[in-house]
Amino acid sequence: MARAATTSDAFNAIAEPQRREILLLLRSGERPVTELARDLGMTQPQTSKHLRVLREVGLVRVRGAGKQRLYALDARGLRPVHEWVGGFEQFWHETFDRLDEYVRDLKQGKTGGTTG
């Protein structure tokens, strides 16, 4: 069975841990590929390959600056991921509410532990 293309969307692109690391590094501002490769402990061609994927799905943009190409995060590309994750917000609110209630009951001695 053939694997799905990793460049089809932001979800596939960020499934690769090193691409997520690149995005984290770019949060602080634009950087040339040489710096990214050094900080990631990767070769420049490996880093460039990941940057190409991130650029193709709109998570990274690039501009020329003299002899360098500077890469920057384009967080607008993360919008579909953010919206998808946001769909679980109600779940987490309910989970934390139940946890708060349990801790409150525990502090008041209301929870009955099961004995074996």
PDB file of N, CA and C in Angstrom:
ATOM      1  N   MET A   1       0.849  -1.178   0.000  1.00  0.00           N
ATOM      2  CA  MET A   1       0.000   0.000   0.000  1.00  0.00           C
ATOM      3  C   MET A   1       0.890   1.235   0.000  1.00  0.00           C
ATOM      4  N   ALA A   2       0.581   2.149  -0.849  1.00  0.00           N
ATOM      5  CA  ALA A   2       1.378   3.366  -0.955  1.00  0.00           C
ATOM      6  C   ALA A   2       1.051   4.308   0.190  1.00  0.00           C
ATOM      7  N   ARG A   3       2.079   4.998   0.674  1.00  0.00           N
ATOM      8  CA  ARG A   3       1.872   5.979   1.730  1.00  0.00           C
ATOM      9  C   ARG A   3       1.270   7.245   1.139  1.00  0.00           C
ATOM     10  N   ALA A   4       0.502   7.931   1.948  1.00  0.00           N
ATOM     11  CA  ALA A   4      -0.075   9.205   1.520  1.00  0.00           C
ATOM     12  C   ALA A   4       1.046  10.222   1.360  1.00  0.00           C
ATOM     13  N   ALA A   5       0.890  11.088   0.418  1.00  0.00           N
ATOM     14  CA  ALA A   5       1.873  12.141   0.207  1.00  0.00           C
ATOM     15  C   ALA A   5       1.965  13.015   1.453  1.00  0.00           C
ATOM     16  N   THR A   6       3.172  13.371   1.824  1.00  0.00           N
ATOM     17  CA  THR A   6       3.337  14.178   3.031  1.00  0.00           C
ATOM     18  C   THR A   6       3.137  15.655   2.756  1.00  0.00           C
ATOM     19  N   THR A   7       2.935  15.992   1.532  1.00  0.00           N
ATOM     20  CA  THR A   7       2.803  17.405   1.203  1.00  0.00           C
ATOM     21  C   THR A   7       1.358  17.807   0.946  1.00  0.00           C
ATOM     22  N   SER A   8       0.407  16.933   1.228  1.00  0.00           N
ATOM     23  CA  SER A   8      -0.964  17.241   0.854  1.00  0.00           C
ATOM     24  C   SER A   8      -1.607  18.309   1.713  1.00  0.00           C
ATOM     25  N   ASP A   9      -1.276  18.371   2.996  1.00  0.00           N
ATOM     26  CA  ASP A   9      -1.864  19.390   3.853  1.00  0.00           C
ATOM     27  C   ASP A   9      -1.021  19.583   5.108  1.00  0.00           C
ATOM     28  N   ALA A  10      -1.419  20.545   5.916  1.00  0.00           N
ATOM     29  CA  ALA A  10      -0.655  20.871   7.124  1.00  0.00           C
ATOM     30  C   ALA A  10      -0.588  19.690   8.082  1.00  0.00           C
ATOM     31  N   PHE A  11      -1.664  18.911   8.177  1.00  0.00           N
ATOM     32  CA  PHE A  11      -1.677  17.768   9.094  1.00  0.00           C
ATOM     33  C   PHE A  11      -0.581  16.773   8.730  1.00  0.00           C
ATOM     34  N   ASN A  12      -0.499  16.442   7.474  1.00  0.00           N
ATOM     35  CA  ASN A  12       0.539  15.503   7.038  1.00  0.00           C
ATOM     36  C   ASN A  12       1.927  16.100   7.209  1.00  0.00           C
ATOM     37  N   ALA A  13       2.063  17.367   6.914  1.00  0.00           N
ATOM     38  CA  ALA A  13       3.382  17.995   7.009  1.00  0.00           C
ATOM     39  C   ALA A  13       3.894  18.012   8.440  1.00  0.00           C
ATOM     40  N   ILE A  14       3.030  18.316   9.398  1.00  0.00           N
ATOM     41  CA  ILE A  14       3.504  18.407  10.779  1.00  0.00           C
ATOM     42  C   ILE A  14       3.514  17.055  11.481  1.00  0.00           C
ATOM     43  N   ALA A  15       3.106  16.015  10.786  1.00  0.00           N
ATOM     44  CA  ALA A  15       3.221  14.674  11.364  1.00  0.00           C
ATOM     45  C   ALA A  15       4.691  14.287  11.527  1.00  0.00           C
ATOM     46  N   GLU A  16       5.557  14.888  10.773  1.00  0.00           N
ATOM     47  CA  GLU A  16       6.995  14.622  10.849  1.00  0.00           C
ATOM     48  C   GLU A  16       7.591  15.465  11.995  1.00  0.00           C
ATOM     49  N   PRO A  17       8.170  14.821  13.021  1.00  0.00           N
ATOM     50  CA  PRO A  17       8.681  15.556  14.183  1.00  0.00           C
ATOM     51  C   PRO A  17       9.707  16.634  13.839  1.00  0.00           C
ATOM     52  N   GLN A  18      10.571  16.394  12.882  1.00  0.00           N
ATOM     53  CA  GLN A  18      11.588  17.391  12.564  1.00  0.00           C
ATOM     54  C   GLN A  18      10.969  18.639  11.930  1.00  0.00           C
ATOM     55  N   ARG A  19       9.884  18.459  11.222  1.00  0.00           N
ATOM     56  CA  ARG A  19       9.191  19.632  10.663  1.00  0.00           C
ATOM     57  C   ARG A  19       8.558  20.460  11.775  1.00  0.00           C
ATOM     58  N   ARG A  20       8.050  19.770  12.782  1.00  0.00           N
ATOM     59  CA  ARG A  20       7.505  20.513  13.931  1.00  0.00           C
ATOM     60  C   ARG A  20       8.621  21.282  14.632  1.00  0.00           C
ATOM     61  N   GLU A  21       9.801  20.669  14.730  1.00  0.00           N
ATOM     62  CA  GLU A  21      10.942  21.367  15.340  1.00  0.00           C
ATOM     63  C   GLU A  21      11.308  22.613  14.533  1.00  0.00           C
ATOM     64  N   ILE A  22      11.277  22.498  13.231  1.00  0.00           N
ATOM     65  CA  ILE A  22      11.571  23.654  12.377  1.00  0.00           C
ATOM     66  C   ILE A  22      10.564  24.771  12.651  1.00  0.00           C
ATOM     67  N   LEU A  23       9.295  24.423  12.740  1.00  0.00           N
ATOM     68  CA  LEU A  23       8.279  25.442  13.017  1.00  0.00           C
ATOM     69  C   LEU A  23       8.515  26.110  14.366  1.00  0.00           C
ATOM     70  N   LEU A  24       8.915  25.317  15.360  1.00  0.00           N
ATOM     71  CA  LEU A  24       9.213  25.892  16.672  1.00  0.00           C
ATOM     72  C   LEU A  24      10.384  26.868  16.587  1.00  0.00           C
ATOM     73  N   LEU A  25      11.411  26.492  15.847  1.00  0.00           N
ATOM     74  CA  LEU A  25      12.565  27.383  15.701  1.00  0.00           C
ATOM     75  C   LEU A  25      12.182  28.666  14.973  1.00  0.00           C
ATOM     76  N   LEU A  26      11.274  28.569  14.025  1.00  0.00           N
ATOM     77  CA  LEU A  26      10.892  29.749  13.241  1.00  0.00           C
ATOM     78  C   LEU A  26       9.918  30.666  13.985  1.00  0.00           C
ATOM     79  N   ARG A  27       9.410  30.216  15.119  1.00  0.00           N
ATOM     80  CA  ARG A  27       8.519  31.084  15.900  1.00  0.00           C
ATOM     81  C   ARG A  27       9.220  32.356  16.341  1.00  0.00           C
ATOM     82  N   SER A  28      10.538  32.263  16.558  1.00  0.00           N
ATOM     83  CA  SER A  28      11.272  33.429  17.047  1.00  0.00           C
ATOM     84  C   SER A  28      11.708  34.365  15.924  1.00  0.00           C
ATOM     85  N   GLY A  29      11.447  34.004  14.686  1.00  0.00           N
ATOM     86  CA  GLY A  29      11.791  34.883  13.573  1.00  0.00           C
ATOM     87  C   GLY A  29      12.409  34.124  12.417  1.00  0.00           C
ATOM     88  N   GLU A  30      12.611  34.844  11.343  1.00  0.00           N
ATOM     89  CA  GLU A  30      13.131  34.199  10.141  1.00  0.00           C
ATOM     90  C   GLU A  30      14.604  33.837  10.296  1.00  0.00           C
ATOM     91  N   ARG A  31      14.971  32.739   9.627  1.00  0.00           N
ATOM     92  CA  ARG A  31      16.335  32.221   9.752  1.00  0.00           C
ATOM     93  C   ARG A  31      16.747  31.564   8.442  1.00  0.00           C
ATOM     94  N   PRO A  32      18.053  31.574   8.158  1.00  0.00           N
ATOM     95  CA  PRO A  32      18.544  30.869   6.972  1.00  0.00           C
ATOM     96  C   PRO A  32      18.621  29.364   7.248  1.00  0.00           C
ATOM     97  N   VAL A  33      18.619  28.598   6.181  1.00  0.00           N
ATOM     98  CA  VAL A  33      18.634  27.146   6.313  1.00  0.00           C
ATOM     99  C   VAL A  33      19.878  26.655   7.049  1.00  0.00           C
ATOM    100  N   THR A  34      20.996  27.354   6.904  1.00  0.00           N
ATOM    101  CA  THR A  34      22.222  26.906   7.577  1.00  0.00           C
ATOM    102  C   THR A  34      22.058  26.935   9.095  1.00  0.00           C
ATOM    103  N   GLU A  35      21.419  27.961   9.612  1.00  0.00           N
ATOM    104  CA  GLU A  35      21.192  28.036  11.062  1.00  0.00           C
ATOM    105  C   GLU A  35      20.213  26.964  11.522  1.00  0.00           C
ATOM    106  N   LEU A  36      19.173  26.777  10.736  1.00  0.00           N
ATOM    107  CA  LEU A  36      18.192  25.751  11.102  1.00  0.00           C
ATOM    108  C   LEU A  36      18.844  24.380  11.121  1.00  0.00           C
ATOM    109  N   ALA A  37      19.637  24.087  10.101  1.00  0.00           N
ATOM    110  CA  ALA A  37      20.313  22.781  10.018  1.00  0.00           C
ATOM    111  C   ALA A  37      21.242  22.583  11.209  1.00  0.00           C
ATOM    112  N   ARG A  38      21.989  23.619  11.552  1.00  0.00           N
ATOM    113  CA  ARG A  38      22.898  23.531  12.701  1.00  0.00           C
ATOM    114  C   ARG A  38      22.128  23.255  13.990  1.00  0.00           C
ATOM    115  N   ASP A  39      21.064  23.998  14.225  1.00  0.00           N
ATOM    116  CA  ASP A  39      20.300  23.838  15.468  1.00  0.00           C
ATOM    117  C   ASP A  39      19.558  22.510  15.532  1.00  0.00           C
ATOM    118  N   LEU A  40      19.226  21.968  14.383  1.00  0.00           N
ATOM    119  CA  LEU A  40      18.521  20.684  14.348  1.00  0.00           C
ATOM    120  C   LEU A  40      19.482  19.496  14.324  1.00  0.00           C
ATOM    121  N   GLY A  41      20.759  19.768  14.076  1.00  0.00           N
ATOM    122  CA  GLY A  41      21.730  18.673  13.964  1.00  0.00           C
ATOM    123  C   GLY A  41      21.512  17.859  12.704  1.00  0.00           C
ATOM    124  N   MET A  42      21.044  18.523  11.664  1.00  0.00           N
ATOM    125  CA  MET A  42      20.772  17.852  10.390  1.00  0.00           C
ATOM    126  C   MET A  42      21.668  18.456   9.314  1.00  0.00           C
ATOM    127  N   THR A  43      21.739  17.776   8.189  1.00  0.00           N
ATOM    128  CA  THR A  43      22.464  18.344   7.060  1.00  0.00           C
ATOM    129  C   THR A  43      21.597  19.424   6.417  1.00  0.00           C
ATOM    130  N   GLN A  44      22.238  20.275   5.646  1.00  0.00           N
ATOM    131  CA  GLN A  44      21.479  21.326   4.961  1.00  0.00           C
ATOM    132  C   GLN A  44      20.493  20.741   3.940  1.00  0.00           C
ATOM    133  N   PRO A  45      20.901  19.714   3.156  1.00  0.00           N
ATOM    134  CA  PRO A  45      19.918  19.132   2.225  1.00  0.00           C
ATOM    135  C   PRO A  45      18.709  18.529   2.929  1.00  0.00           C
ATOM    136  N   GLN A  46      18.932  17.870   4.077  1.00  0.00           N
ATOM    137  CA  GLN A  46      17.797  17.306   4.820  1.00  0.00           C
ATOM    138  C   GLN A  46      16.868  18.433   5.287  1.00  0.00           C
ATOM    139  N   THR A  47      17.469  19.472   5.802  1.00  0.00           N
ATOM    140  CA  THR A  47      16.672  20.600   6.294  1.00  0.00           C
ATOM    141  C   THR A  47      15.918  21.265   5.147  1.00  0.00           C
ATOM    142  N   SER A  48      16.590  21.424   4.028  1.00  0.00           N
ATOM    143  CA  SER A  48      15.941  22.046   2.862  1.00  0.00           C
ATOM    144  C   SER A  48      14.753  21.223   2.388  1.00  0.00           C
ATOM    145  N   LYS A  49      14.896  19.913   2.457  1.00  0.00           N
ATOM    146  CA  LYS A  49      13.793  19.028   2.044  1.00  0.00           C
ATOM    147  C   LYS A  49      12.566  19.254   2.933  1.00  0.00           C
ATOM    148  N   HIS A  50      12.798  19.334   4.228  1.00  0.00           N
ATOM    149  CA  HIS A  50      11.676  19.583   5.142  1.00  0.00           C
ATOM    150  C   HIS A  50      11.085  20.982   4.924  1.00  0.00           C
ATOM    151  N   LEU A  51      11.945  21.947   4.690  1.00  0.00           N
ATOM    152  CA  LEU A  51      11.461  23.306   4.438  1.00  0.00           C
ATOM    153  C   LEU A  51      10.617  23.367   3.168  1.00  0.00           C
ATOM    154  N   ARG A  52      10.998  22.602   2.160  1.00  0.00           N
ATOM    155  CA  ARG A  52      10.229  22.574   0.917  1.00  0.00           C
ATOM    156  C   ARG A  52       8.810  22.065   1.185  1.00  0.00           C
ATOM    157  N   VAL A  53       8.719  20.989   1.967  1.00  0.00           N
ATOM    158  CA  VAL A  53       7.396  20.442   2.302  1.00  0.00           C
ATOM    159  C   VAL A  53       6.579  21.474   3.065  1.00  0.00           C
ATOM    160  N   LEU A  54       7.200  22.110   4.049  1.00  0.00           N
ATOM    161  CA  LEU A  54       6.474  23.107   4.847  1.00  0.00           C
ATOM    162  C   LEU A  54       6.038  24.298   3.994  1.00  0.00           C
ATOM    163  N   ARG A  55       6.863  24.667   3.043  1.00  0.00           N
ATOM    164  CA  ARG A  55       6.529  25.779   2.150  1.00  0.00           C
ATOM    165  C   ARG A  55       5.372  25.403   1.225  1.00  0.00           C
ATOM    166  N   GLU A  56       5.384  24.171   0.740  1.00  0.00           N
ATOM    167  CA  GLU A  56       4.340  23.728  -0.197  1.00  0.00           C
ATOM    168  C   GLU A  56       2.950  23.700   0.442  1.00  0.00           C
ATOM    169  N   VAL A  57       2.888  23.477   1.738  1.00  0.00           N
ATOM    170  CA  VAL A  57       1.573  23.453   2.395  1.00  0.00           C
ATOM    171  C   VAL A  57       1.244  24.788   3.060  1.00  0.00           C
ATOM    172  N   GLY A  58       2.107  25.787   2.873  1.00  0.00           N
ATOM    173  CA  GLY A  58       1.816  27.127   3.352  1.00  0.00           C
ATOM    174  C   GLY A  58       2.155  27.389   4.802  1.00  0.00           C
ATOM    175  N   LEU A  59       3.039  26.591   5.387  1.00  0.00           N
ATOM    176  CA  LEU A  59       3.425  26.824   6.777  1.00  0.00           C
ATOM    177  C   LEU A  59       4.684  27.665   6.908  1.00  0.00           C
ATOM    178  N   VAL A  60       5.415  27.783   5.819  1.00  0.00           N
ATOM    179  CA  VAL A  60       6.672  28.530   5.819  1.00  0.00           C
ATOM    180  C   VAL A  60       6.725  29.360   4.541  1.00  0.00           C
ATOM    181  N   ARG A  61       7.262  30.557   4.668  1.00  0.00           N
ATOM    182  CA  ARG A  61       7.497  31.380   3.475  1.00  0.00           C
ATOM    183  C   ARG A  61       8.993  31.693   3.433  1.00  0.00           C
ATOM    184  N   VAL A  62       9.464  32.057   2.268  1.00  0.00           N
ATOM    185  CA  VAL A  62      10.888  32.307   2.091  1.00  0.00           C
ATOM    186  C   VAL A  62      11.062  33.593   1.311  1.00  0.00           C
ATOM    187  N   ARG A  63      12.165  34.295   1.639  1.00  0.00           N
ATOM    188  CA  ARG A  63      12.496  35.498   0.880  1.00  0.00           C
ATOM    189  C   ARG A  63      14.012  35.551   0.728  1.00  0.00           C
ATOM    190  N   GLY A  64      14.439  36.154  -0.342  1.00  0.00           N
ATOM    191  CA  GLY A  64      15.858  36.315  -0.588  1.00  0.00           C
ATOM    192  C   GLY A  64      16.386  37.531   0.153  1.00  0.00           C
ATOM    193  N   ALA A  65      17.595  37.391   0.688  1.00  0.00           N
ATOM    194  CA  ALA A  65      18.266  38.503   1.370  1.00  0.00           C
ATOM    195  C   ALA A  65      19.746  38.391   1.021  1.00  0.00           C
ATOM    196  N   GLY A  66      20.127  39.052  -0.066  1.00  0.00           N
ATOM    197  CA  GLY A  66      21.500  38.900  -0.532  1.00  0.00           C
ATOM    198  C   GLY A  66      21.695  37.496  -1.064  1.00  0.00           C
ATOM    199  N   LYS A  67      22.703  36.825  -0.545  1.00  0.00           N
ATOM    200  CA  LYS A  67      22.964  35.451  -0.989  1.00  0.00           C
ATOM    201  C   LYS A  67      22.169  34.423  -0.198  1.00  0.00           C
ATOM    202  N   GLN A  68      21.490  34.878   0.828  1.00  0.00           N
ATOM    203  CA  GLN A  68      20.750  33.941   1.680  1.00  0.00           C
ATOM    204  C   GLN A  68      19.266  33.915   1.325  1.00  0.00           C
ATOM    205  N   ARG A  69      18.684  32.797   1.680  1.00  0.00           N
ATOM    206  CA  ARG A  69      17.226  32.662   1.630  1.00  0.00           C
ATOM    207  C   ARG A  69      16.774  32.520   3.074  1.00  0.00           C
ATOM    208  N   LEU A  70      15.921  33.442   3.491  1.00  0.00           N
ATOM    209  CA  LEU A  70      15.465  33.433   4.875  1.00  0.00           C
ATOM    210  C   LEU A  70      14.065  32.820   4.948  1.00  0.00           C
ATOM    211  N   TYR A  71      13.921  31.876   5.858  1.00  0.00           N
ATOM    212  CA  TYR A  71      12.651  31.181   6.035  1.00  0.00           C
ATOM    213  C   TYR A  71      11.937  31.747   7.262  1.00  0.00           C
ATOM    214  N   ALA A  72      10.626  31.853   7.136  1.00  0.00           N
ATOM    215  CA  ALA A  72       9.814  32.379   8.242  1.00  0.00           C
ATOM    216  C   ALA A  72       8.550  31.546   8.385  1.00  0.00           C
ATOM    217  N   LEU A  73       8.067  31.489   9.601  1.00  0.00           N
ATOM    218  CA  LEU A  73       6.817  30.800   9.885  1.00  0.00           C
ATOM    219  C   LEU A  73       5.661  31.576   9.263  1.00  0.00           C
ATOM    220  N   ASP A  74       4.738  30.863   8.655  1.00  0.00           N
ATOM    221  CA  ASP A  74       3.489  31.461   8.176  1.00  0.00           C
ATOM    222  C   ASP A  74       2.366  30.757   8.930  1.00  0.00           C
ATOM    223  N   ALA A  75       2.069  31.274  10.100  1.00  0.00           N
ATOM    224  CA  ALA A  75       1.132  30.608  11.006  1.00  0.00           C
ATOM    225  C   ALA A  75      -0.278  30.497  10.434  1.00  0.00           C
ATOM    226  N   ARG A  76      -0.580  31.266   9.393  1.00  0.00           N
ATOM    227  CA  ARG A  76      -1.919  31.149   8.794  1.00  0.00           C
ATOM    228  C   ARG A  76      -2.165  29.735   8.293  1.00  0.00           C
ATOM    229  N   GLY A  77      -1.094  29.047   7.901  1.00  0.00           N
ATOM    230  CA  GLY A  77      -1.224  27.670   7.421  1.00  0.00           C
ATOM    231  C   GLY A  77      -1.626  26.693   8.503  1.00  0.00           C
ATOM    232  N   LEU A  78      -1.447  27.095   9.765  1.00  0.00           N
ATOM    233  CA  LEU A  78      -1.821  26.215  10.884  1.00  0.00           C
ATOM    234  C   LEU A  78      -3.294  26.341  11.256  1.00  0.00           C
ATOM    235  N   ARG A  79      -3.999  27.240  10.598  1.00  0.00           N
ATOM    236  CA  ARG A  79      -5.407  27.470  10.938  1.00  0.00           C
ATOM    237  C   ARG A  79      -6.253  26.180  10.902  1.00  0.00           C
ATOM    238  N   PRO A  80      -6.145  25.340   9.861  1.00  0.00           N
ATOM    239  CA  PRO A  80      -6.946  24.108   9.867  1.00  0.00           C
ATOM    240  C   PRO A  80      -6.625  23.209  11.058  1.00  0.00           C
ATOM    241  N   VAL A  81      -5.369  23.174  11.460  1.00  0.00           N
ATOM    242  CA  VAL A  81      -4.973  22.360  12.616  1.00  0.00           C
ATOM    243  C   VAL A  81      -5.575  22.955  13.884  1.00  0.00           C
ATOM    244  N   HIS A  82      -5.473  24.259  14.022  1.00  0.00           N
ATOM    245  CA  HIS A  82      -6.022  24.946  15.187  1.00  0.00           C
ATOM    246  C   HIS A  82      -7.533  24.724  15.287  1.00  0.00           C
ATOM    247  N   GLU A  83      -8.217  24.850  14.172  1.00  0.00           N
ATOM    248  CA  GLU A  83      -9.670  24.668  14.176  1.00  0.00           C
ATOM    249  C   GLU A  83     -10.049  23.233  14.527  1.00  0.00           C
ATOM    250  N   TRP A  84      -9.289  22.286  14.033  1.00  0.00           N
ATOM    251  CA  TRP A  84      -9.577  20.877  14.328  1.00  0.00           C
ATOM    252  C   TRP A  84      -9.373  20.604  15.817  1.00  0.00           C
ATOM    253  N   VAL A  85      -8.252  21.051  16.345  1.00  0.00           N
ATOM    254  CA  VAL A  85      -7.966  20.837  17.765  1.00  0.00           C
ATOM    255  C   VAL A  85      -9.002  21.556  18.621  1.00  0.00           C
ATOM    256  N   GLY A  86      -9.431  22.740  18.193  1.00  0.00           N
ATOM    257  CA  GLY A  86     -10.434  23.493  18.929  1.00  0.00           C
ATOM    258  C   GLY A  86     -11.746  22.737  19.072  1.00  0.00           C
ATOM    259  N   GLY A  87     -12.012  21.803  18.184  1.00  0.00           N
ATOM    260  CA  GLY A  87     -13.219  20.990  18.266  1.00  0.00           C
ATOM    261  C   GLY A  87     -13.247  20.097  19.496  1.00  0.00           C
ATOM    262  N   PHE A  88     -12.118  19.944  20.156  1.00  0.00           N
ATOM    263  CA  PHE A  88     -12.040  19.108  21.356  1.00  0.00           C
ATOM    264  C   PHE A  88     -12.084  19.945  22.637  1.00  0.00           C
ATOM    265  N   GLU A  89     -12.279  21.231  22.490  1.00  0.00           N
ATOM    266  CA  GLU A  89     -12.267  22.118  23.642  1.00  0.00           C
ATOM    267  C   GLU A  89     -13.322  21.726  24.671  1.00  0.00           C
ATOM    268  N   GLN A  90     -14.536  21.454  24.213  1.00  0.00           N
ATOM    269  CA  GLN A  90     -15.602  21.075  25.133  1.00  0.00           C
ATOM    270  C   GLN A  90     -15.234  19.816  25.905  1.00  0.00           C
ATOM    271  N   PHE A  91     -14.618  18.860  25.243  1.00  0.00           N
ATOM    272  CA  PHE A  91     -14.186  17.618  25.898  1.00  0.00           C
ATOM    273  C   PHE A  91     -13.230  17.931  27.041  1.00  0.00           C
ATOM    274  N   TRP A  92     -12.249  18.784  26.775  1.00  0.00           N
ATOM    275  CA  TRP A  92     -11.260  19.097  27.811  1.00  0.00           C
ATOM    276  C   TRP A  92     -11.865  19.893  28.949  1.00  0.00           C
ATOM    277  N   HIS A  93     -12.781  20.807  28.641  1.00  0.00           N
ATOM    278  CA  HIS A  93     -13.445  21.558  29.716  1.00  0.00           C
ATOM    279  C   HIS A  93     -14.202  20.602  30.629  1.00  0.00           C
ATOM    280  N   GLU A  94     -14.937  19.670  30.036  1.00  0.00           N
ATOM    281  CA  GLU A  94     -15.696  18.714  30.849  1.00  0.00           C
ATOM    282  C   GLU A  94     -14.769  17.815  31.658  1.00  0.00           C
ATOM    283  N   THR A  95     -13.664  17.395  31.037  1.00  0.00           N
ATOM    284  CA  THR A  95     -12.709  16.539  31.743  1.00  0.00           C
ATOM    285  C   THR A  95     -12.092  17.278  32.930  1.00  0.00           C
ATOM    286  N   PHE A  96     -11.697  18.515  32.730  1.00  0.00           N
ATOM    287  CA  PHE A  96     -11.101  19.286  33.825  1.00  0.00           C
ATOM    288  C   PHE A  96     -12.133  19.624  34.889  1.00  0.00           C
ATOM    289  N   ASP A  97     -13.367  19.856  34.502  1.00  0.00           N
ATOM    290  CA  ASP A  97     -14.418  20.097  35.491  1.00  0.00           C
ATOM    291  C   ASP A  97     -14.609  18.873  36.375  1.00  0.00           C
ATOM    292  N   ARG A  98     -14.610  17.684  35.753  1.00  0.00           N
ATOM    293  CA  ARG A  98     -14.756  16.452  36.546  1.00  0.00           C
ATOM    294  C   ARG A  98     -13.557  16.253  37.463  1.00  0.00           C
ATOM    295  N   LEU A  99     -12.376  16.577  36.974  1.00  0.00           N
ATOM    296  CA  LEU A  99     -11.165  16.454  37.790  1.00  0.00           C
ATOM    297  C   LEU A  99     -11.209  17.433  38.961  1.00  0.00           C
ATOM    298  N   ASP A 100     -11.628  18.672  38.684  1.00  0.00           N
ATOM    299  CA  ASP A 100     -11.769  19.658  39.770  1.00  0.00           C
ATOM    300  C   ASP A 100     -12.742  19.151  40.832  1.00  0.00           C
ATOM    301  N   GLU A 101     -13.861  18.596  40.386  1.00  0.00           N
ATOM    302  CA  GLU A 101     -14.866  18.091  41.318  1.00  0.00           C
ATOM    303  C   GLU A 101     -14.304  16.929  42.138  1.00  0.00           C
ATOM    304  N   TYR A 102     -13.569  16.051  41.506  1.00  0.00           N
ATOM    305  CA  TYR A 102     -12.974  14.912  42.201  1.00  0.00           C
ATOM    306  C   TYR A 102     -11.972  15.382  43.264  1.00  0.00           C
ATOM    307  N   VAL A 103     -11.108  16.335  42.887  1.00  0.00           N
ATOM    308  CA  VAL A 103     -10.107  16.849  43.835  1.00  0.00           C
ATOM    309  C   VAL A 103     -10.797  17.554  44.998  1.00  0.00           C
ATOM    310  N   ARG A 104     -11.835  18.328  44.690  1.00  0.00           N
ATOM    311  CA  ARG A 104     -12.594  19.018  45.744  1.00  0.00           C
ATOM    312  C   ARG A 104     -13.216  18.000  46.702  1.00  0.00           C
ATOM    313  N   ASP A 105     -13.832  16.954  46.139  1.00  0.00           N
ATOM    314  CA  ASP A 105     -14.424  15.910  46.971  1.00  0.00           C
ATOM    315  C   ASP A 105     -13.357  15.173  47.775  1.00  0.00           C
ATOM    316  N   LEU A 106     -12.220  14.933  47.174  1.00  0.00           N
ATOM    317  CA  LEU A 106     -11.128  14.245  47.852  1.00  0.00           C
ATOM    318  C   LEU A 106     -10.647  15.052  49.056  1.00  0.00           C
ATOM    319  N   LYS A 107     -10.526  16.364  48.869  1.00  0.00           N
ATOM    320  CA  LYS A 107     -10.092  17.232  49.968  1.00  0.00           C
ATOM    321  C   LYS A 107     -11.118  17.270  51.086  1.00  0.00           C
ATOM    322  N   GLN A 108     -12.383  17.102  50.742  1.00  0.00           N
ATOM    323  CA  GLN A 108     -13.446  17.132  51.747  1.00  0.00           C
ATOM    324  C   GLN A 108     -13.755  15.743  52.291  1.00  0.00           C
ATOM    325  N   GLY A 109     -12.998  14.746  51.837  1.00  0.00           N
ATOM    326  CA  GLY A 109     -13.199  13.380  52.325  1.00  0.00           C
ATOM    327  C   GLY A 109     -14.464  12.735  51.815  1.00  0.00           C
ATOM    328  N   LYS A 110     -14.981  13.225  50.710  1.00  0.00           N
ATOM    329  CA  LYS A 110     -16.236  12.682  50.173  1.00  0.00           C
ATOM    330  C   LYS A 110     -16.032  11.472  49.282  1.00  0.00           C
ATOM    331  N   THR A 111     -14.845  11.270  48.781  1.00  0.00           N
ATOM    332  CA  THR A 111     -14.652  10.146  47.873  1.00  0.00           C
ATOM    333  C   THR A 111     -14.407   8.893  48.680  1.00  0.00           C
ATOM    334  N   GLY A 112     -15.040   7.872  48.260  1.00  0.00           N
ATOM    335  CA  GLY A 112     -14.845   6.591  48.922  1.00  0.00           C
ATOM    336  C   GLY A 112     -13.945   5.714  48.087  1.00  0.00           C
ATOM    337  N   GLY A 113     -12.839   5.386  48.608  1.00  0.00           N
ATOM    338  CA  GLY A 113     -11.938   4.507  47.883  1.00  0.00           C
ATOM    339  C   GLY A 113     -12.435   3.088  47.960  1.00  0.00           C
ATOM    340  N   THR A 114     -12.133   2.362  46.944  1.00  0.00           N
ATOM    341  CA  THR A 114     -12.513   0.959  46.951  1.00  0.00           C
ATOM    342  C   THR A 114     -11.405   0.164  47.606  1.00  0.00           C
ATOM    343  N   THR A 115     -11.776  -0.740  48.428  1.00  0.00           N
ATOM    344  CA  THR A 115     -10.778  -1.597  49.052  1.00  0.00           C
ATOM    345  C   THR A 115     -10.869  -2.969  48.440  1.00  0.00           C
ATOM    346  N   GLY A 116      -9.739  -3.546  48.281  1.00  0.00           N
ATOM    347  CA  GLY A 116      -9.660  -4.796  47.589  1.00  0.00           C
ATOM    348  C   GLY A 116     -10.046  -5.912  48.392  1.00  0.00           C
TER     349      GLY A 116
END
